[in-house]
Amino acid sequence: MDRIAALNEILTENPKDAFARYGLAMEYSKQGDFDRALAEFSILLESHPEYTAGYFMAAQTLVQAQRVDDAKKMLNDGIASARRTGNLHAQSEMEAMLAELE
């Protein structure tokens, strides 16, 4: 069974599994299926707004999809999430990426 099928099976049993949802989004992103990846990131962040890594990877996917303005918004949302959760490392990574996009 491939990774996407395995992750979908996990999500069928537990749709709120943040780690599986993140993994599925990452797999779609790796395959270049940006629309599906972004849809999965959206579901993840709606259910788990504290899942800070999701914002960063969604922003990277948006850049790959040549949607820089959307990536900037995602980074700003992610920076706010990182501040709420005290994740200084993620905050600094997203701030650095945002500065590169400006």
Foldseek 3Di string as FASTA:
>chain_A
DDLLVVLVVVCVVPVLPLVSLQVNLVVCLVVVVLVVSLVSLVSNCVSPVLPLVSLVVNLVSCVVVVNNVVSLVSLVSSLVSCVVVVVVVSNVVSVVVNVVSD
